[in-house]
Amino acid sequence: MKKLLLACVLTLSASAPALADQAAADKCAAGLDANGQAIYAAAAPQAASASDLRGLVTDTTKALVGNGTVPRDVARGAAQAAGACLQKLR
């Protein structure tokens, strides 16, 4: 019984940081401008599993610039800000 309880506690504590990271990332993203939020929203689903977060943010930003969602002149700053928030998902 003690082993089962210990396994449950370890499982719950292992999943708690992921929830805290998601909450912290979402809170961070809420403070972004509309362009940063667009980049964050587009990249977030892949951020946790991406082996190259910087590459993911770059590719996502280029796609959003290409389709007119994010203006080219603000893309770099918005991507850097979104990247800082996305880092919290890892």
C-alpha atoms as a PDB file:
ATOM      1  CA  MET A   1       0.000   0.000   0.000  1.00  0.00           C
ATOM      2  CA  LYS A   2       2.850   2.384   0.854  1.00  0.00           C
ATOM      3  CA  LYS A   3       4.472   1.680  -2.504  1.00  0.00           C
ATOM      4  CA  LEU A   4       1.233   2.456  -4.306  1.00  0.00           C
ATOM      5  CA  LEU A   5       0.820   5.713  -2.382  1.00  0.00           C
ATOM      6  CA  LEU A   6       4.428   6.665  -3.096  1.00  0.00           C
ATOM      7  CA  ALA A   7       3.946   5.921  -6.802  1.00  0.00           C
ATOM      8  CA  CYS A   8       0.838   8.129  -6.884  1.00  0.00           C
ATOM      9  CA  VAL A   9       2.607  10.990  -5.120  1.00  0.00           C
ATOM     10  CA  LEU A  10       5.590  10.758  -7.466  1.00  0.00           C
ATOM     11  CA  THR A  11       3.325  10.679 -10.507  1.00  0.00           C
ATOM     12  CA  LEU A  12       1.369  13.716  -9.356  1.00  0.00           C
ATOM     13  CA  SER A  13       4.469  15.673  -8.436  1.00  0.00           C
ATOM     14  CA  ALA A  14       6.055  14.838 -11.772  1.00  0.00           C
ATOM     15  CA  SER A  15       3.065  16.256 -13.636  1.00  0.00           C
ATOM     16  CA  ALA A  16       2.728  19.378 -11.477  1.00  0.00           C
ATOM     17  CA  PRO A  17       5.658  21.282 -13.034  1.00  0.00           C
ATOM     18  CA  ALA A  18       4.174  20.814 -16.502  1.00  0.00           C
ATOM     19  CA  LEU A  19       0.988  22.485 -15.373  1.00  0.00           C
ATOM     20  CA  ALA A  20       2.937  25.279 -13.703  1.00  0.00           C
ATOM     21  CA  ASP A  21       5.021  25.747 -16.846  1.00  0.00           C
ATOM     22  CA  GLN A  22       1.908  25.964 -19.024  1.00  0.00           C
ATOM     23  CA  ALA A  23       0.360  28.498 -16.684  1.00  0.00           C
ATOM     24  CA  ALA A  24       3.571  30.546 -16.575  1.00  0.00           C
ATOM     25  CA  ALA A  25       3.879  30.439 -20.364  1.00  0.00           C
ATOM     26  CA  ASP A  26       0.272  31.489 -20.860  1.00  0.00           C
ATOM     27  CA  LYS A  27       0.648  34.302 -18.332  1.00  0.00           C
ATOM     28  CA  CYS A  28       3.790  35.466 -20.136  1.00  0.00           C
ATOM     29  CA  ALA A  29       2.020  35.313 -23.505  1.00  0.00           C
ATOM     30  CA  ALA A  30      -0.873  37.381 -22.178  1.00  0.00           C
ATOM     31  CA  GLY A  31       1.585  40.254 -21.814  1.00  0.00           C
ATOM     32  CA  LEU A  32       2.728  40.073 -25.439  1.00  0.00           C
ATOM     33  CA  ASP A  33       1.491  42.400 -28.148  1.00  0.00           C
ATOM     34  CA  ALA A  34      -0.818  40.974 -30.828  1.00  0.00           C
ATOM     35  CA  ASN A  35       2.106  39.937 -33.047  1.00  0.00           C
ATOM     36  CA  GLY A  36       3.878  38.103 -30.232  1.00  0.00           C
ATOM     37  CA  GLN A  37       0.632  36.415 -29.255  1.00  0.00           C
ATOM     38  CA  ALA A  38       0.126  35.230 -32.833  1.00  0.00           C
ATOM     39  CA  ILE A  39       3.604  33.694 -32.904  1.00  0.00           C
ATOM     40  CA  TYR A  40       3.116  32.134 -29.480  1.00  0.00           C
ATOM     41  CA  ALA A  41      -0.264  30.651 -30.426  1.00  0.00           C
ATOM     42  CA  ALA A  42       1.081  29.195 -33.659  1.00  0.00           C
ATOM     43  CA  ALA A  43       4.230  27.696 -32.111  1.00  0.00           C
ATOM     44  CA  ALA A  44       2.958  26.589 -28.687  1.00  0.00           C
ATOM     45  CA  PRO A  45       1.500  23.223 -29.750  1.00  0.00           C
ATOM     46  CA  GLN A  46       4.934  22.055 -30.945  1.00  0.00           C
ATOM     47  CA  ALA A  47       7.140  23.930 -28.450  1.00  0.00           C
ATOM     48  CA  ALA A  48       7.396  21.308 -25.717  1.00  0.00           C
ATOM     49  CA  SER A  49       8.515  18.576 -28.099  1.00  0.00           C
ATOM     50  CA  ALA A  50      10.611  20.678 -30.473  1.00  0.00           C
ATOM     51  CA  SER A  51      14.278  19.766 -30.471  1.00  0.00           C
ATOM     52  CA  ASP A  52      15.126  23.241 -31.814  1.00  0.00           C
ATOM     53  CA  LEU A  53      12.857  25.846 -30.238  1.00  0.00           C
ATOM     54  CA  ARG A  54      14.652  28.721 -31.922  1.00  0.00           C
ATOM     55  CA  GLY A  55      14.170  27.072 -35.319  1.00  0.00           C
ATOM     56  CA  LEU A  56      10.495  26.479 -34.564  1.00  0.00           C
ATOM     57  CA  VAL A  57       9.976  30.130 -33.625  1.00  0.00           C
ATOM     58  CA  THR A  58      11.910  31.294 -36.696  1.00  0.00           C
ATOM     59  CA  ASP A  59       9.964  29.065 -39.085  1.00  0.00           C
ATOM     60  CA  THR A  60       6.646  29.981 -37.469  1.00  0.00           C
ATOM     61  CA  THR A  61       7.448  33.686 -37.639  1.00  0.00           C
ATOM     62  CA  LYS A  62       8.502  33.463 -41.286  1.00  0.00           C
ATOM     63  CA  ALA A  63       5.232  31.737 -42.128  1.00  0.00           C
ATOM     64  CA  LEU A  64       3.222  34.402 -40.293  1.00  0.00           C
ATOM     65  CA  VAL A  65       5.148  37.176 -42.029  1.00  0.00           C
ATOM     66  CA  GLY A  66       4.633  35.426 -45.348  1.00  0.00           C
ATOM     67  CA  ASN A  67       0.877  35.235 -44.960  1.00  0.00           C
ATOM     68  CA  GLY A  68       0.618  38.822 -43.710  1.00  0.00           C
ATOM     69  CA  THR A  69      -0.314  38.053 -40.104  1.00  0.00           C
ATOM     70  CA  VAL A  70       2.846  39.605 -38.624  1.00  0.00           C
ATOM     71  CA  PRO A  71       4.467  42.678 -40.210  1.00  0.00           C
ATOM     72  CA  ARG A  72       8.087  42.127 -41.230  1.00  0.00           C
ATOM     73  CA  ASP A  73       9.347  45.223 -39.401  1.00  0.00           C
ATOM     74  CA  VAL A  74       8.234  43.948 -35.982  1.00  0.00           C
ATOM     75  CA  ALA A  75       8.723  40.227 -36.538  1.00  0.00           C
ATOM     76  CA  ARG A  76      12.116  39.873 -34.856  1.00  0.00           C
ATOM     77  CA  GLY A  77      11.100  41.569 -31.609  1.00  0.00           C
ATOM     78  CA  ALA A  78       7.790  39.757 -31.490  1.00  0.00           C
ATOM     79  CA  ALA A  79       9.513  36.421 -32.115  1.00  0.00           C
ATOM     80  CA  GLN A  80      12.053  37.040 -29.357  1.00  0.00           C
ATOM     81  CA  ALA A  81       9.313  37.939 -26.895  1.00  0.00           C
ATOM     82  CA  ALA A  82       7.195  34.937 -27.887  1.00  0.00           C
ATOM     83  CA  GLY A  83      10.253  32.681 -27.689  1.00  0.00           C
ATOM     84  CA  ALA A  84      10.868  33.722 -24.089  1.00  0.00           C
ATOM     85  CA  CYS A  85       7.320  32.680 -23.226  1.00  0.00           C
ATOM     86  CA  LEU A  86       7.553  29.451 -25.225  1.00  0.00           C
ATOM     87  CA  GLN A  87      10.727  28.537 -23.341  1.00  0.00           C
ATOM     88  CA  LYS A  88       8.580  28.192 -20.225  1.00  0.00           C
ATOM     89  CA  LEU A  89       6.819  25.233 -21.846  1.00  0.00           C
ATOM     90  CA  ARG A  90      10.020  23.200 -21.854  1.00  0.00           C
END
